[in-house]
Amino acid sequence: MPNNMKETEVNMAPEFHTLKMQSQGINSIHSAVSEFIDNSMDANADHIYIKSVNNKQGKFDLFISDNGDGMTYEKLITISKVGASRKEGQANFGCRGVGQKNAACKLSKTGYEVYTKTENCNKINYSKFDIDDCLNRQTDNDWNSLYAFEEKELDGLKDEEVYDHFKHHSKGTIVKISCILRAAAKSKKDFDKKVTSSEVNIRTISKIYRHLIYQDKVSLFYNDSKLKPKGHGFEHKVPYQDFVFFSDMHKDGWIEHTIHPWTGGVFDCRFRFIRVASKSTLGTNSSKGGLEILRLSREVTGKTLSRFDKNYDLGHLIIEYDAEAEFLDECLISNGDKTINSLAPATDKFDLGSYLGKLFKKKYYPKIIAINREDSFEKGSKADQKNYWNHQESILRDRLYQTFKNSLTLLGQSEDEVSDQLTKEYKIPGTEFRLDLVCNDIPYEVKVSHNDPTKSVGQVLSYIPWIVKDKTRNFVKNGKVKFVLAIGSKETSSLKKHIKMINDSYFVKIDDELIGVNIVLHSIAEKNKDIIDAPLSLEEKNKSKNLS
């Protein structure tokens, strides 16, 4: 450097207008308030109080207080100016996120104050950040000029909320955000309504921290009322409406998993699946759903499931994925308010979206589909039940048909001979009726179960006059029609009694000849158990996907 040049210090800090720009990246008041909650939790607070209070200016202020460790005067200055974490050497809830300045600027154009005290402090450590001055000097970059710091005596605290907090707590922090903007809420009542909203599709405070509240890791209060966990899996509806899959095998449905995303990296995570349904349907006619990413059990994003699968049978499926902070911070890109805009990998090391898609589709989706189908039959709407019933009956019919076909082939029958003796979905001439199977001129009706014996037997009897008239087949032998009722459940005494009564008394008169019926009960569950127990074939799975 030439001797005649004077060395000067250049301020490379960003200009004040960047604060406003960054605060606009925060998408809701919940995300803004959660920044302060995260800071409290990083300070080991397990009780956090949020309170909206009317002020003398005709507006209202917001107070966030906690029972955490608090900060010394020196640390308060460092934290305020640098934005470092209040918890050292541990994973923080505050991840790559907005600082208090950005969050406060989202909520106020006046400023915010911090009052804090450690267990060993005799005084209350105080800081103030002037947002109004910041916005009026947008091209300036002297950030130190926006701060004020002071050590205060308890009896010198003028704000009643602050005084009352430290009167009852030997340590902790309270943040006061002055004059909440109308852009955040039209009024205090409106703000209160937004914060306590029960809408599960909005990332409210109760939803963001639902698992931490449920696990008793933190108690959150809003205007002196304790917040309850909200969101899918916490709606306390009837079981089929807000149903957590696999909870019979895993506590609260959480499936533990270890992931090896890159060389040398091993991380623990967990996930669970939740079905969202209405009173009239289980949601199995929907391709909706979502993946919700949790960081240290705190929700940080929600994405649609379209990336993974639009399978009809999955219905409205919510997947919660909870992982370590170090892992998520490394592999995913987050934006200004800690939400992950996409599942695009942060580096070329690992693609979380592709990994989860393959894992869920291969190992868990088939089981979820099976449960959905069973529940839709037992608990769903009439349309759900009918679809499920027809689907299951078609599987039983096809499997029984294949069993007969294999038996005839083993006896040495040719393909043509088998075709002559065995027919699936035989259409009775002159009608729209179809018999499930016909084997050696014996008709078969296949039923999943026989909850209503009268209805099952009545359907068989409705075919008799028409098959007696069918001259293309030899259905009538020795003055009777033998008809097999094949059921996928065990025989019951009531059904056998009903069939015996019909066999003894039923006749149909055709051309002055009385034709009787011999209904034979065949329990597939007892006599062909392998048909019931066999896993779904590829063809059957494809049929399930196309069910409507």
Protein backbone atom coordinates (compact mmCIF):
# COMPACT_ATOMS: atom_id res chain seq x y z
CA MET A 1 0.00 0.00 0.00
CA PRO A 2 1.47 3.43 -0.90
CA ASN A 3 2.68 5.44 2.10
CA ASN A 4 0.51 8.44 1.21
CA MET A 5 -2.74 6.36 1.31
CA LYS A 6 -4.59 6.37 4.63
CA GLU A 7 -6.00 3.02 5.73
CA THR A 8 -9.73 3.27 6.47
CA GLU A 9 -12.25 0.79 7.86
CA VAL A 10 -15.06 0.01 5.40
CA ASN A 11 -18.49 -0.98 6.73
CA MET A 12 -19.57 -3.95 4.61
CA ALA A 13 -22.86 -4.53 6.48
CA PRO A 14 -26.05 -4.68 4.36
CA GLU A 15 -28.27 -1.63 4.17
CA PHE A 16 -31.35 -1.31 6.37
CA HIS A 17 -33.82 -1.95 3.54
CA THR A 18 -32.71 -5.62 3.48
CA LEU A 19 -34.54 -6.15 6.78
CA LYS A 20 -37.88 -5.32 5.19
CA MET A 21 -37.12 -7.54 2.22
CA GLN A 22 -36.17 -10.49 4.40
CA SER A 23 -39.22 -10.10 6.62
CA GLN A 24 -41.45 -10.37 3.53
CA GLY A 25 -40.16 -13.91 3.06
CA ILE A 26 -41.96 -14.95 6.25
CA ASN A 27 -45.28 -16.32 5.08
CA SER A 28 -47.42 -16.04 8.22
CA ILE A 29 -47.71 -14.62 11.71
CA HIS A 30 -47.30 -18.19 12.99
CA SER A 31 -43.87 -18.48 11.39
CA ALA A 32 -42.89 -15.12 12.85
CA VAL A 33 -44.04 -15.96 16.37
CA SER A 34 -42.44 -19.41 16.13
CA GLU A 35 -39.02 -17.72 15.78
CA PHE A 36 -39.35 -16.38 19.32
CA ILE A 37 -40.70 -19.72 20.58
CA ASP A 38 -37.69 -21.49 19.03
CA ASN A 39 -35.34 -19.08 20.79
CA SER A 40 -37.06 -19.81 24.11
CA MET A 41 -36.76 -23.55 23.60
CA ASP A 42 -33.09 -23.14 22.69
CA ALA A 43 -32.72 -21.53 26.12
CA ASN A 44 -34.16 -24.69 27.76
CA ALA A 45 -37.58 -23.19 28.42
CA ASP A 46 -40.39 -25.67 28.94
CA HIS A 47 -43.11 -23.09 29.64
CA ILE A 48 -43.66 -20.36 27.07
CA TYR A 49 -46.37 -17.71 27.33
CA ILE A 50 -47.71 -15.67 24.41
CA LYS A 51 -50.01 -12.78 25.20
CA SER A 52 -51.69 -10.02 23.20
CA VAL A 53 -52.35 -6.85 25.19
CA ASN A 54 -54.11 -3.63 24.18
CA ASN A 55 -51.92 -0.53 24.47
CA LYS A 56 -52.53 3.19 24.95
CA GLN A 57 -52.07 3.91 21.23
CA GLY A 58 -55.29 2.08 20.40
CA LYS A 59 -53.34 -0.88 19.06
CA PHE A 60 -51.98 -3.97 20.77
CA ASP A 61 -48.59 -5.39 21.72
CA LEU A 62 -47.40 -8.98 21.74
CA PHE A 63 -45.45 -10.50 24.64
CA ILE A 64 -43.53 -13.80 24.46
CA SER A 65 -42.11 -14.87 27.81
CA ASP A 66 -40.40 -18.04 29.06
CA ASN A 67 -38.80 -19.75 32.04
CA GLY A 68 -35.57 -20.50 30.18
CA ASP A 69 -31.98 -19.86 31.22
CA GLY A 70 -32.04 -16.18 30.32
CA MET A 71 -28.97 -14.20 29.20
CA THR A 72 -26.28 -12.13 30.84
CA TYR A 73 -25.87 -8.52 29.78
CA GLU A 74 -22.83 -9.37 27.65
CA LYS A 75 -24.52 -12.29 25.95
CA LEU A 76 -27.63 -10.22 25.22
CA ILE A 77 -25.52 -7.70 23.35
CA THR A 78 -23.77 -10.45 21.38
CA ILE A 79 -26.97 -12.31 20.56
CA SER A 80 -28.80 -9.15 19.51
CA LYS A 81 -26.13 -7.89 17.13
CA VAL A 82 -24.76 -11.14 15.72
CA GLY A 83 -27.84 -13.33 15.88
CA ALA A 84 -26.04 -16.33 17.36
CA SER A 85 -27.93 -19.13 19.07
CA ARG A 86 -28.77 -18.97 22.77
CA LYS A 87 -27.91 -22.66 23.08
CA GLU A 88 -24.31 -23.60 22.48
CA GLY A 89 -22.97 -26.97 21.37
CA GLN A 90 -26.37 -28.53 20.69
CA ALA A 91 -28.81 -28.81 17.80
CA ASN A 92 -31.05 -25.77 17.82
CA PHE A 93 -34.72 -25.33 17.02
CA GLY A 94 -33.68 -22.06 15.38
CA CYS A 95 -32.36 -23.47 12.09
CA ARG A 96 -30.86 -21.28 9.38
CA GLY A 97 -33.83 -19.15 10.15
CA VAL A 98 -34.94 -15.59 10.40
CA GLY A 99 -33.58 -13.73 13.37
CA GLN A 100 -35.65 -11.85 15.87
CA LYS A 101 -35.28 -8.67 13.80
CA ASN A 102 -36.86 -10.22 10.71
CA ALA A 103 -39.68 -11.82 12.71
CA ALA A 104 -40.36 -8.59 14.61
CA CYS A 105 -40.35 -6.57 11.37
CA LYS A 106 -43.01 -8.95 10.00
CA LEU A 107 -45.24 -8.09 12.95
CA SER A 108 -44.37 -4.47 13.79
CA LYS A 109 -43.05 -1.25 12.26
CA THR A 110 -42.26 0.23 15.66
CA GLY A 111 -39.75 -2.05 17.36
CA TYR A 112 -39.21 -4.78 19.91
CA GLU A 113 -37.68 -5.04 23.35
CA VAL A 114 -35.98 -7.91 25.15
CA TYR A 115 -35.90 -8.30 28.93
CA THR A 116 -33.83 -11.20 30.23
CA LYS A 117 -32.30 -12.51 33.44
CA THR A 118 -30.19 -15.49 34.45
CA GLU A 119 -30.46 -17.23 37.82
CA ASN A 120 -27.41 -15.37 39.14
CA CYS A 121 -28.25 -11.93 37.72
CA ASN A 122 -29.38 -9.23 40.15
CA LYS A 123 -30.65 -6.99 37.40
CA ILE A 124 -32.86 -7.29 34.35
CA ASN A 125 -30.83 -7.06 31.14
CA TYR A 126 -32.59 -4.98 28.51
CA SER A 127 -32.27 -4.32 24.78
CA LYS A 128 -34.35 -2.42 22.27
CA PHE A 129 -34.31 -2.50 18.48
CA ASP A 130 -35.86 0.47 16.67
CA ILE A 131 -37.69 -0.82 13.55
CA ASP A 132 -39.22 2.60 12.82
CA ASP A 133 -35.79 4.25 12.62
CA CYS A 134 -34.55 1.35 10.48
CA LEU A 135 -37.33 1.78 7.93
CA ASN A 136 -36.82 5.55 7.77
CA ARG A 137 -33.10 5.21 6.98
CA GLN A 138 -33.21 2.41 4.41
CA THR A 139 -29.87 3.16 2.72
CA ASP A 140 -27.94 3.39 6.01
CA ASN A 141 -26.07 0.37 7.34
CA ASP A 142 -25.00 1.40 10.83
CA TRP A 143 -26.93 -1.33 12.61
CA ASN A 144 -25.40 -0.51 16.00
CA SER A 145 -27.24 2.82 15.96
CA LEU A 146 -30.59 0.98 16.05
CA TYR A 147 -29.88 -0.74 19.39
CA ALA A 148 -30.15 0.43 22.96
CA PHE A 149 -28.91 -1.63 25.93
CA GLU A 150 -29.40 -1.16 29.64
CA GLU A 151 -29.36 -2.98 32.97
CA LYS A 152 -32.58 -2.37 34.89
CA GLU A 153 -33.79 -2.88 38.44
CA LEU A 154 -36.93 -4.95 38.94
CA ASP A 155 -38.71 -2.07 40.67
CA GLY A 156 -37.75 0.19 37.77
CA LEU A 157 -39.70 -1.83 35.21
CA LYS A 158 -42.62 0.26 34.01
CA ASP A 159 -44.36 -2.36 31.87
CA GLU A 160 -46.81 -4.33 34.00
CA GLU A 161 -46.47 -7.55 31.95
CA VAL A 162 -42.68 -7.50 32.25
CA TYR A 163 -42.69 -6.64 35.96
CA ASP A 164 -45.20 -9.40 36.73
CA HIS A 165 -43.14 -11.99 34.84
CA PHE A 166 -39.91 -11.36 36.71
CA LYS A 167 -41.74 -10.97 39.99
CA HIS A 168 -42.62 -14.66 39.71
CA HIS A 169 -39.62 -16.03 37.77
CA SER A 170 -36.01 -15.95 38.96
CA LYS A 171 -34.78 -16.36 35.39
CA GLY A 172 -36.08 -16.27 31.83
CA THR A 173 -36.73 -13.90 28.96
CA ILE A 174 -39.65 -11.77 27.81
CA VAL A 175 -39.91 -10.16 24.37
CA LYS A 176 -42.27 -7.28 23.74
CA ILE A 177 -43.24 -6.53 20.12
CA SER A 178 -44.95 -3.14 19.98
CA CYS A 179 -47.96 -2.08 17.93
CA ILE A 180 -48.74 -5.14 15.79
CA LEU A 181 -49.29 -4.22 12.14
CA ARG A 182 -52.71 -4.32 10.50
CA ALA A 183 -51.04 -6.32 7.74
CA ALA A 184 -50.52 -9.07 10.32
CA ALA A 185 -54.00 -8.78 11.82
CA LYS A 186 -56.82 -6.25 11.53
CA SER A 187 -57.31 -6.21 15.29
CA LYS A 188 -56.33 -7.96 18.49
CA LYS A 189 -59.43 -10.13 18.14
CA ASP A 190 -58.40 -11.07 14.61
CA PHE A 191 -54.87 -11.88 15.75
CA ASP A 192 -56.15 -14.03 18.61
CA LYS A 193 -58.45 -15.88 16.21
CA LYS A 194 -55.61 -16.60 13.78
CA VAL A 195 -53.27 -17.89 16.47
CA THR A 196 -55.89 -20.21 17.98
CA SER A 197 -57.38 -21.37 14.66
CA SER A 198 -58.48 -25.00 14.54
CA GLU A 199 -57.91 -25.28 10.78
CA VAL A 200 -55.53 -28.25 10.39
CA ASN A 201 -54.32 -27.15 6.96
CA ILE A 202 -52.88 -23.92 8.40
CA ARG A 203 -49.51 -24.10 10.11
CA THR A 204 -50.65 -22.62 13.40
CA ILE A 205 -48.55 -22.58 16.57
CA SER A 206 -50.48 -25.59 17.90
CA LYS A 207 -49.79 -27.50 14.69
CA ILE A 208 -46.12 -26.53 14.30
CA TYR A 209 -45.31 -27.71 17.85
CA ARG A 210 -47.99 -30.40 18.16
CA HIS A 211 -45.62 -33.29 18.84
CA LEU A 212 -43.50 -31.34 21.32
CA ILE A 213 -46.68 -30.34 23.18
CA TYR A 214 -47.95 -33.92 23.06
CA GLN A 215 -44.62 -35.26 24.38
CA ASP A 216 -44.70 -32.70 27.25
CA LYS A 217 -41.40 -31.23 26.08
CA VAL A 218 -42.95 -27.79 26.13
CA SER A 219 -46.13 -26.15 27.41
CA LEU A 220 -47.39 -23.27 25.28
CA PHE A 221 -49.93 -20.74 26.54
CA TYR A 222 -51.82 -18.10 24.60
CA ASN A 223 -53.59 -15.43 26.66
CA ASP A 224 -53.34 -17.72 29.70
CA SER A 225 -54.98 -20.70 27.92
CA LYS A 226 -52.85 -23.78 27.43
CA LEU A 227 -52.58 -24.76 23.77
CA LYS A 228 -53.43 -28.32 22.80
CA PRO A 229 -51.74 -30.18 19.93
CA LYS A 230 -53.63 -29.75 16.66
CA GLY A 231 -53.22 -31.38 13.30
CA HIS A 232 -53.70 -34.71 11.62
CA GLY A 233 -53.59 -37.52 14.12
CA PHE A 234 -54.75 -35.23 16.95
CA GLU A 235 -58.29 -34.48 15.80
CA HIS A 236 -59.93 -37.02 18.11
CA LYS A 237 -62.54 -37.94 15.54
CA VAL A 238 -64.02 -41.40 15.18
CA PRO A 239 -61.20 -43.87 14.42
CA TYR A 240 -61.69 -44.16 10.67
CA GLN A 241 -61.70 -40.39 10.10
CA ASP A 242 -58.35 -39.44 11.63
CA PHE A 243 -56.65 -42.81 11.64
CA VAL A 244 -52.97 -43.40 12.47
CA PHE A 245 -51.74 -46.48 10.64
CA PHE A 246 -49.67 -49.20 12.35
CA SER A 247 -50.32 -47.82 15.85
CA ASP A 248 -51.02 -51.38 17.00
CA MET A 249 -47.39 -52.28 16.27
CA HIS A 250 -45.60 -48.97 16.87
CA LYS A 251 -46.21 -46.41 19.63
CA ASP A 252 -48.43 -43.66 18.21
CA GLY A 253 -47.74 -45.14 14.76
CA TRP A 254 -44.11 -43.94 14.66
CA ILE A 255 -41.83 -46.26 12.68
CA GLU A 256 -38.17 -45.91 13.65
CA HIS A 257 -35.70 -45.83 10.78
CA THR A 258 -31.95 -45.37 10.29
CA ILE A 259 -30.73 -43.61 7.19
CA HIS A 260 -27.26 -43.66 5.57
CA PRO A 261 -27.43 -40.74 3.12
CA TRP A 262 -23.73 -40.29 2.45
CA THR A 263 -20.40 -41.84 3.36
CA GLY A 264 -19.82 -41.63 7.07
CA GLY A 265 -23.29 -40.28 7.82
CA VAL A 266 -25.75 -42.30 9.91
CA PHE A 267 -28.91 -40.61 11.17
CA ASP A 268 -31.96 -41.71 13.12
CA CYS A 269 -35.37 -40.69 11.88
CA ARG A 270 -38.97 -41.80 12.17
CA PHE A 271 -42.17 -41.52 10.19
CA ARG A 272 -45.85 -42.32 10.46
CA PHE A 273 -48.89 -42.46 8.17
CA ILE A 274 -52.28 -40.86 8.84
CA ARG A 275 -55.53 -41.26 6.95
CA VAL A 276 -57.73 -38.17 6.71
CA ALA A 277 -61.40 -38.88 6.06
CA SER A 278 -64.84 -37.36 6.19
CA LYS A 279 -67.94 -38.83 7.80
CA SER A 280 -69.27 -40.08 4.47
CA THR A 281 -66.15 -41.58 2.95
CA LEU A 282 -62.75 -42.84 3.97
CA GLY A 283 -61.13 -40.67 1.36
CA THR A 284 -60.07 -43.66 -0.74
CA ASN A 285 -61.42 -41.94 -3.82
CA SER A 286 -58.87 -39.13 -3.50
CA SER A 287 -55.32 -38.56 -4.68
CA LYS A 288 -54.82 -35.84 -2.07
CA GLY A 289 -52.40 -36.02 0.78
CA GLY A 290 -49.14 -34.59 1.96
CA LEU A 291 -45.67 -35.11 3.34
CA GLU A 292 -44.91 -33.09 6.46
CA ILE A 293 -41.24 -32.68 7.41
CA LEU A 294 -40.46 -32.37 11.13
CA ARG A 295 -37.13 -31.14 12.46
CA LEU A 296 -36.54 -32.19 16.08
CA SER A 297 -40.29 -32.98 16.15
CA ARG A 298 -41.10 -29.39 15.08
CA GLU A 299 -42.91 -29.06 11.74
CA VAL A 300 -40.88 -27.11 9.19
CA THR A 301 -42.71 -27.81 5.93
CA GLY A 302 -45.58 -29.52 4.22
CA LYS A 303 -45.61 -30.80 0.62
CA THR A 304 -48.17 -32.59 -1.53
CA LEU A 305 -47.83 -36.31 -2.11
CA SER A 306 -48.09 -36.07 -5.88
CA ARG A 307 -44.37 -36.50 -6.17
CA PHE A 308 -44.59 -39.95 -4.63
CA ASP A 309 -47.75 -41.65 -5.81
CA LYS A 310 -51.27 -40.81 -7.01
CA ASN A 311 -52.56 -44.27 -6.30
CA TYR A 312 -56.34 -44.21 -5.95
CA ASP A 313 -56.28 -46.56 -2.98
CA LEU A 314 -53.95 -44.49 -0.83
CA GLY A 315 -56.66 -41.90 -0.38
CA HIS A 316 -55.97 -38.70 1.52
CA LEU A 317 -52.75 -39.86 3.16
CA ILE A 318 -50.60 -37.69 5.42
CA ILE A 319 -47.01 -38.79 6.04
CA GLU A 320 -45.05 -37.20 8.89
CA TYR A 321 -41.27 -37.49 8.62
CA ASP A 322 -39.24 -36.51 11.70
CA ALA A 323 -35.45 -36.32 11.39
CA GLU A 324 -32.35 -34.97 13.08
CA ALA A 325 -31.49 -31.31 12.58
CA GLU A 326 -27.99 -32.05 11.30
CA PHE A 327 -29.36 -34.33 8.60
CA LEU A 328 -32.14 -32.03 7.33
CA ASP A 329 -29.94 -28.94 7.45
CA GLU A 330 -27.40 -30.74 5.29
CA CYS A 331 -29.63 -32.31 2.66
CA LEU A 332 -32.52 -29.86 2.15
CA ILE A 333 -32.79 -26.25 1.12
CA SER A 334 -34.76 -24.00 3.47
CA ASN A 335 -36.02 -20.48 2.92
CA GLY A 336 -36.31 -17.46 5.16
CA ASP A 337 -38.92 -18.77 7.57
CA LYS A 338 -37.55 -22.27 8.04
CA THR A 339 -39.95 -23.88 5.59
CA ILE A 340 -38.48 -26.14 2.97
CA ASN A 341 -39.72 -24.93 -0.39
CA SER A 342 -39.14 -28.23 -2.11
CA LEU A 343 -37.60 -31.61 -1.57
CA ALA A 344 -34.84 -30.71 -3.98
CA PRO A 345 -31.50 -31.79 -2.51
CA ALA A 346 -29.22 -29.08 -1.17
CA THR A 347 -26.24 -30.93 -2.62
CA ASP A 348 -25.65 -33.85 -4.98
CA LYS A 349 -24.93 -36.07 -1.98
CA PHE A 350 -28.45 -37.31 -1.40
CA ASP A 351 -32.00 -36.94 -2.79
CA LEU A 352 -34.38 -37.32 0.16
CA GLY A 353 -37.52 -37.10 -1.97
CA SER A 354 -36.54 -40.02 -4.21
CA TYR A 355 -35.39 -42.06 -1.24
CA LEU A 356 -38.65 -41.63 0.68
CA GLY A 357 -40.75 -42.24 -2.44
CA LYS A 358 -39.12 -45.63 -3.03
CA LEU A 359 -39.19 -46.59 0.65
CA PHE A 360 -42.87 -45.79 1.18
CA LYS A 361 -44.09 -47.22 -2.12
CA LYS A 362 -42.31 -50.54 -1.78
CA LYS A 363 -42.75 -51.32 1.90
CA TYR A 364 -45.76 -49.45 3.27
CA TYR A 365 -48.22 -48.44 0.55
CA PRO A 366 -49.47 -52.03 -0.09
CA LYS A 367 -50.25 -52.44 3.62
CA ILE A 368 -52.00 -49.07 3.79
CA ILE A 369 -54.09 -49.94 0.74
CA ALA A 370 -55.16 -53.23 2.31
CA ILE A 371 -56.20 -51.48 5.54
CA ASN A 372 -58.09 -48.79 3.61
CA ARG A 373 -60.03 -51.42 1.68
CA GLU A 374 -60.96 -53.34 4.80
CA ASP A 375 -62.03 -50.22 6.66
CA SER A 376 -63.96 -48.84 3.70
CA PHE A 377 -66.06 -52.02 3.74
CA GLU A 378 -66.64 -52.05 7.49
CA LYS A 379 -66.87 -48.34 8.28
CA GLY A 380 -67.15 -46.37 5.05
CA SER A 381 -70.07 -45.07 3.03
CA LYS A 382 -72.47 -47.38 1.17
CA ALA A 383 -70.59 -46.68 -2.06
CA ASP A 384 -67.27 -47.59 -0.38
CA GLN A 385 -68.77 -50.80 0.98
CA LYS A 386 -70.23 -51.80 -2.38
CA ASN A 387 -66.95 -51.19 -4.21
CA TYR A 388 -65.00 -53.17 -1.66
CA TRP A 389 -67.52 -56.02 -1.63
CA ASN A 390 -67.52 -56.35 -5.42
CA HIS A 391 -63.74 -56.18 -5.54
CA GLN A 392 -63.26 -58.92 -2.94
CA GLU A 393 -65.85 -61.14 -4.59
CA SER A 394 -64.11 -60.81 -7.95
CA ILE A 395 -60.81 -61.88 -6.34
CA LEU A 396 -62.45 -64.93 -4.72
CA ARG A 397 -64.23 -65.85 -7.95
CA ASP A 398 -61.04 -65.58 -10.02
CA ARG A 399 -59.03 -67.62 -7.52
CA LEU A 400 -61.71 -70.32 -7.31
CA TYR A 401 -61.86 -70.42 -11.11
CA GLN A 402 -58.08 -70.84 -11.30
CA THR A 403 -58.21 -73.63 -8.71
CA PHE A 404 -60.81 -75.56 -10.75
CA LYS A 405 -58.88 -74.95 -13.95
CA ASN A 406 -55.66 -76.29 -12.41
CA SER A 407 -57.48 -79.39 -11.14
CA LEU A 408 -58.98 -80.17 -14.56
CA THR A 409 -55.62 -79.65 -16.24
CA LEU A 410 -53.96 -82.05 -13.79
CA LEU A 411 -56.59 -84.66 -14.73
CA GLY A 412 -55.30 -84.48 -18.29
CA GLN A 413 -58.02 -82.31 -19.77
CA SER A 414 -57.07 -80.33 -22.86
CA GLU A 415 -57.52 -76.57 -23.02
CA ASP A 416 -60.67 -76.96 -25.14
CA GLU A 417 -62.07 -79.56 -22.78
CA VAL A 418 -61.42 -77.31 -19.81
CA SER A 419 -63.13 -74.45 -21.60
CA ASP A 420 -66.20 -76.62 -22.29
CA GLN A 421 -66.50 -77.65 -18.64
CA LEU A 422 -65.53 -74.42 -16.90
CA THR A 423 -66.88 -70.90 -17.53
CA LYS A 424 -66.35 -67.69 -15.61
CA GLU A 425 -69.08 -65.01 -15.54
CA TYR A 426 -71.54 -67.11 -17.53
CA LYS A 427 -74.31 -64.94 -19.03
CA ILE A 428 -77.73 -66.64 -18.86
CA PRO A 429 -79.35 -66.45 -22.33
CA GLY A 430 -82.16 -63.92 -22.66
CA THR A 431 -81.17 -62.08 -19.45
CA GLU A 432 -78.56 -59.73 -18.05
CA PHE A 433 -77.84 -62.17 -15.23
CA ARG A 434 -74.31 -63.52 -14.90
CA LEU A 435 -73.34 -66.57 -12.90
CA ASP A 436 -69.95 -66.25 -11.22
CA LEU A 437 -68.85 -69.75 -12.31
CA VAL A 438 -70.23 -72.78 -14.06
CA CYS A 439 -68.30 -76.03 -13.64
CA ASN A 440 -69.63 -79.28 -15.18
CA ASP A 441 -73.07 -77.66 -15.53
CA ILE A 442 -73.14 -76.72 -11.86
CA PRO A 443 -73.58 -72.96 -11.24
CA TYR A 444 -71.60 -71.16 -8.50
CA GLU A 445 -72.38 -67.93 -6.69
CA VAL A 446 -69.38 -66.46 -4.81
CA LYS A 447 -69.87 -64.26 -1.73
CA VAL A 448 -67.32 -62.64 0.56
CA SER A 449 -69.51 -63.37 3.57
CA HIS A 450 -73.11 -64.08 4.46
CA ASN A 451 -74.14 -61.36 6.89
CA ASP A 452 -77.68 -61.64 5.52
CA PRO A 453 -78.55 -65.32 4.79
CA THR A 454 -81.92 -64.37 3.29
CA LYS A 455 -80.28 -62.03 0.80
CA SER A 456 -77.54 -64.49 -0.19
CA VAL A 457 -79.95 -67.38 -0.74
CA GLY A 458 -82.53 -65.07 -2.34
CA GLN A 459 -80.06 -64.09 -5.06
CA VAL A 460 -79.48 -67.76 -5.86
CA LEU A 461 -83.20 -68.41 -6.09
CA SER A 462 -83.68 -65.46 -8.48
CA TYR A 463 -81.50 -67.31 -11.04
CA ILE A 464 -83.32 -70.66 -10.87
CA PRO A 465 -86.30 -69.99 -13.25
CA TRP A 466 -83.90 -68.66 -15.91
CA ILE A 467 -81.27 -71.36 -15.76
CA VAL A 468 -84.00 -74.04 -15.88
CA LYS A 469 -85.05 -72.55 -19.23
CA ASP A 470 -81.44 -72.49 -20.49
CA LYS A 471 -81.29 -75.39 -22.98
CA THR A 472 -77.63 -74.76 -23.86
CA ARG A 473 -76.64 -76.29 -20.54
CA ASN A 474 -77.74 -79.34 -18.61
CA PHE A 475 -78.48 -77.56 -15.34
CA VAL A 476 -81.46 -79.77 -14.39
CA LYS A 477 -80.58 -83.28 -13.26
CA ASN A 478 -83.10 -85.69 -11.71
CA GLY A 479 -85.70 -82.92 -11.34
CA LYS A 480 -83.39 -80.58 -9.42
CA VAL A 481 -80.88 -77.79 -10.00
CA LYS A 482 -77.71 -78.12 -7.99
CA PHE A 483 -76.38 -74.68 -7.11
CA VAL A 484 -73.20 -74.07 -5.08
CA LEU A 485 -73.09 -71.02 -2.79
CA ALA A 486 -69.36 -70.43 -2.15
CA ILE A 487 -68.60 -68.08 0.75
CA GLY A 488 -65.31 -66.61 1.91
CA SER A 489 -66.19 -67.08 5.60
CA LYS A 490 -67.03 -69.98 7.85
CA GLU A 491 -70.41 -71.68 7.72
CA THR A 492 -72.97 -70.75 10.36
CA SER A 493 -75.85 -72.76 11.74
CA SER A 494 -78.34 -70.06 10.74
CA LEU A 495 -77.22 -70.13 7.11
CA LYS A 496 -77.25 -73.94 6.96
CA LYS A 497 -80.70 -73.99 8.54
CA HIS A 498 -82.01 -71.47 6.04
CA ILE A 499 -80.60 -73.44 3.09
CA LYS A 500 -82.12 -76.70 4.36
CA MET A 501 -85.53 -75.05 4.63
CA ILE A 502 -85.28 -73.78 1.04
CA ASN A 503 -84.06 -77.12 -0.32
CA ASP A 504 -86.99 -78.89 1.34
CA SER A 505 -89.70 -76.50 0.20
CA TYR A 506 -88.72 -74.61 -2.95
CA PHE A 507 -90.03 -75.64 -6.37
CA VAL A 508 -90.47 -73.80 -9.64
CA LYS A 509 -93.02 -74.94 -12.23
CA ILE A 510 -91.71 -75.03 -15.78
CA ASP A 511 -93.88 -76.58 -18.53
CA ASP A 512 -96.07 -78.38 -15.95
CA GLU A 513 -92.96 -79.84 -14.33
CA LEU A 514 -91.92 -79.01 -10.77
CA ILE A 515 -88.20 -78.41 -10.53
CA GLY A 516 -86.55 -78.40 -7.11
CA VAL A 517 -83.30 -76.86 -5.95
CA ASN A 518 -80.33 -78.28 -4.09
CA ILE A 519 -78.25 -75.40 -2.75
CA VAL A 520 -74.87 -76.67 -1.54
CA LEU A 521 -72.90 -74.52 0.89
CA HIS A 522 -69.16 -74.35 0.23
CA SER A 523 -66.95 -72.49 2.72
CA ILE A 524 -63.83 -71.34 0.89
CA ALA A 525 -62.38 -70.25 4.25
CA GLU A 526 -62.59 -73.83 5.54
CA LYS A 527 -62.12 -75.96 2.42
CA ASN A 528 -59.84 -73.77 0.29
CA LYS A 529 -57.95 -71.79 2.92
CA ASP A 530 -55.01 -71.28 0.55
CA ILE A 531 -57.31 -69.20 -1.69
CA ILE A 532 -58.08 -66.83 1.20
CA ASP A 533 -54.52 -66.60 2.53
CA ALA A 534 -52.68 -66.15 -0.78
CA PRO A 535 -51.09 -62.69 -1.23
CA LEU A 536 -52.33 -60.43 -4.01
CA SER A 537 -50.93 -61.31 -7.41
CA LEU A 538 -49.60 -58.62 -9.78
CA GLU A 539 -52.82 -58.83 -11.79
CA GLU A 540 -54.92 -58.41 -8.63
CA LYS A 541 -52.82 -55.40 -7.56
CA ASN A 542 -53.41 -53.78 -10.93
CA LYS A 543 -57.14 -54.33 -10.53
CA SER A 544 -56.98 -52.65 -7.12
CA LYS A 545 -55.34 -49.58 -8.61
CA ASN A 546 -58.09 -49.23 -11.21
CA LEU A 547 -60.96 -49.69 -8.77
CA SER A 548 -63.43 -46.83 -8.89
